[in-house]
N, C-alpha and C. Protein backbone atom coordinates (compact mmCIF):
# COMPACT_ATOMS: atom_id res chain seq x y z
N UNK A 1 30.74 -17.10 4.72
CA UNK A 1 29.51 -17.11 3.88
C UNK A 1 29.90 -17.25 2.40
N UNK A 2 29.29 -18.19 1.74
CA UNK A 2 29.61 -18.35 0.32
C UNK A 2 28.70 -17.46 -0.54
N UNK A 3 28.99 -17.38 -1.81
CA UNK A 3 28.27 -16.47 -2.72
C UNK A 3 26.79 -16.82 -2.83
N UNK A 4 26.49 -18.11 -2.78
CA UNK A 4 25.11 -18.57 -2.93
C UNK A 4 24.24 -18.06 -1.78
N UNK A 5 24.78 -18.12 -0.58
CA UNK A 5 24.04 -17.64 0.60
C UNK A 5 23.78 -16.15 0.49
N UNK A 6 24.80 -15.39 0.09
CA UNK A 6 24.67 -13.94 -0.09
C UNK A 6 23.61 -13.64 -1.16
N UNK A 7 23.66 -14.38 -2.26
CA UNK A 7 22.70 -14.21 -3.34
C UNK A 7 21.28 -14.48 -2.84
N UNK A 8 21.12 -15.55 -2.07
CA UNK A 8 19.81 -15.91 -1.52
C UNK A 8 19.29 -14.82 -0.60
N UNK A 9 20.18 -14.29 0.25
CA UNK A 9 19.79 -13.25 1.20
C UNK A 9 19.38 -11.96 0.48
N UNK A 10 20.12 -11.58 -0.55
CA UNK A 10 19.78 -10.36 -1.29
C UNK A 10 18.46 -10.54 -2.04
N UNK A 11 18.25 -11.73 -2.60
CA UNK A 11 16.99 -12.03 -3.28
C UNK A 11 15.83 -11.95 -2.30
N UNK A 12 16.02 -12.55 -1.13
CA UNK A 12 14.97 -12.55 -0.11
C UNK A 12 14.67 -11.13 0.35
N UNK A 13 15.74 -10.34 0.55
CA UNK A 13 15.59 -8.95 1.00
C UNK A 13 14.83 -8.12 -0.02
N UNK A 14 15.20 -8.26 -1.30
CA UNK A 14 14.53 -7.48 -2.34
C UNK A 14 13.08 -7.92 -2.50
N UNK A 15 12.83 -9.22 -2.33
CA UNK A 15 11.47 -9.75 -2.39
C UNK A 15 10.64 -9.18 -1.24
N UNK A 16 11.24 -9.15 -0.05
CA UNK A 16 10.58 -8.61 1.13
C UNK A 16 10.27 -7.13 0.94
N UNK A 17 11.21 -6.39 0.39
CA UNK A 17 11.01 -4.96 0.13
C UNK A 17 9.88 -4.76 -0.88
N UNK A 18 9.82 -5.63 -1.85
CA UNK A 18 8.79 -5.58 -2.88
C UNK A 18 7.42 -5.76 -2.25
N UNK A 19 7.30 -6.73 -1.35
CA UNK A 19 6.05 -7.01 -0.64
C UNK A 19 5.64 -5.80 0.19
N UNK A 20 6.60 -5.25 0.94
CA UNK A 20 6.31 -4.09 1.79
C UNK A 20 5.86 -2.90 0.95
N UNK A 21 6.51 -2.71 -0.19
CA UNK A 21 6.18 -1.60 -1.07
C UNK A 21 4.75 -1.74 -1.60
N UNK A 22 4.38 -2.95 -2.03
CA UNK A 22 3.04 -3.17 -2.57
C UNK A 22 1.99 -3.04 -1.46
N UNK A 23 2.33 -3.48 -0.25
CA UNK A 23 1.42 -3.31 0.89
C UNK A 23 1.19 -1.84 1.18
N UNK A 24 2.26 -1.05 1.11
CA UNK A 24 2.16 0.39 1.34
C UNK A 24 1.30 1.03 0.27
N UNK A 25 1.50 0.64 -0.99
CA UNK A 25 0.70 1.18 -2.09
C UNK A 25 -0.78 0.83 -1.92
N UNK A 26 -1.06 -0.41 -1.54
CA UNK A 26 -2.44 -0.84 -1.30
C UNK A 26 -3.05 -0.05 -0.16
N UNK A 27 -2.26 0.16 0.90
CA UNK A 27 -2.72 0.92 2.06
C UNK A 27 -3.05 2.35 1.67
N UNK A 28 -2.16 2.98 0.92
CA UNK A 28 -2.37 4.36 0.47
C UNK A 28 -3.60 4.45 -0.43
N UNK A 29 -3.76 3.46 -1.31
CA UNK A 29 -4.91 3.42 -2.20
C UNK A 29 -6.21 3.29 -1.41
N UNK A 30 -6.20 2.41 -0.40
CA UNK A 30 -7.38 2.22 0.44
C UNK A 30 -7.74 3.49 1.19
N UNK A 31 -6.74 4.16 1.74
CA UNK A 31 -6.96 5.43 2.45
C UNK A 31 -7.57 6.46 1.50
N UNK A 32 -7.01 6.56 0.31
CA UNK A 32 -7.52 7.49 -0.69
C UNK A 32 -8.95 7.18 -1.08
N UNK A 33 -9.26 5.89 -1.20
CA UNK A 33 -10.60 5.45 -1.57
C UNK A 33 -11.60 5.79 -0.46
N UNK A 34 -11.20 5.56 0.79
CA UNK A 34 -12.06 5.87 1.93
C UNK A 34 -12.34 7.37 1.99
N UNK A 35 -11.30 8.18 1.79
CA UNK A 35 -11.47 9.64 1.79
C UNK A 35 -12.40 10.07 0.66
N UNK A 36 -12.21 9.47 -0.51
CA UNK A 36 -13.05 9.77 -1.68
C UNK A 36 -14.52 9.47 -1.39
N UNK A 37 -14.79 8.28 -0.83
CA UNK A 37 -16.16 7.87 -0.51
C UNK A 37 -16.77 8.79 0.55
N UNK A 38 -16.00 9.07 1.61
CA UNK A 38 -16.53 9.89 2.70
C UNK A 38 -16.80 11.33 2.25
N UNK A 39 -15.97 11.86 1.35
CA UNK A 39 -16.23 13.21 0.84
C UNK A 39 -17.49 13.22 -0.03
N UNK A 40 -17.71 12.14 -0.78
CA UNK A 40 -18.93 12.04 -1.58
C UNK A 40 -20.16 11.97 -0.68
N UNK A 41 -20.07 11.21 0.39
CA UNK A 41 -21.18 11.10 1.34
C UNK A 41 -21.44 12.46 2.00
N UNK A 42 -20.37 13.13 2.42
CA UNK A 42 -20.51 14.46 3.04
C UNK A 42 -21.13 15.45 2.08
N UNK A 43 -20.70 15.42 0.82
CA UNK A 43 -21.25 16.32 -0.19
C UNK A 43 -22.74 16.04 -0.41
N UNK A 44 -23.10 14.76 -0.41
CA UNK A 44 -24.51 14.37 -0.58
C UNK A 44 -25.34 14.84 0.60
N UNK A 45 -24.84 14.61 1.80
CA UNK A 45 -25.55 15.03 3.01
C UNK A 45 -25.70 16.56 3.04
N UNK A 46 -24.62 17.24 2.68
CA UNK A 46 -24.62 18.71 2.67
C UNK A 46 -25.61 19.26 1.65
N UNK A 47 -25.73 18.57 0.52
CA UNK A 47 -26.64 19.03 -0.53
C UNK A 47 -28.11 18.81 -0.17
N UNK A 48 -28.37 17.83 0.69
CA UNK A 48 -29.76 17.54 1.07
C UNK A 48 -30.25 18.46 2.18
N UNK A 49 -29.31 19.10 2.91
CA UNK A 49 -29.71 20.01 4.00
C UNK A 49 -30.33 21.28 3.41
């Protein structure tokens, strides 16, 4: 394996890790948003009872 191939592979790997990291952050943000919305709905329903 020459240096260029190794460089390409490391670049690809770090790019892939970057994508996975951002996907995880988006996923966590979405989960947090859903929990936030559902707690607001529950609080509203609870207050109307």
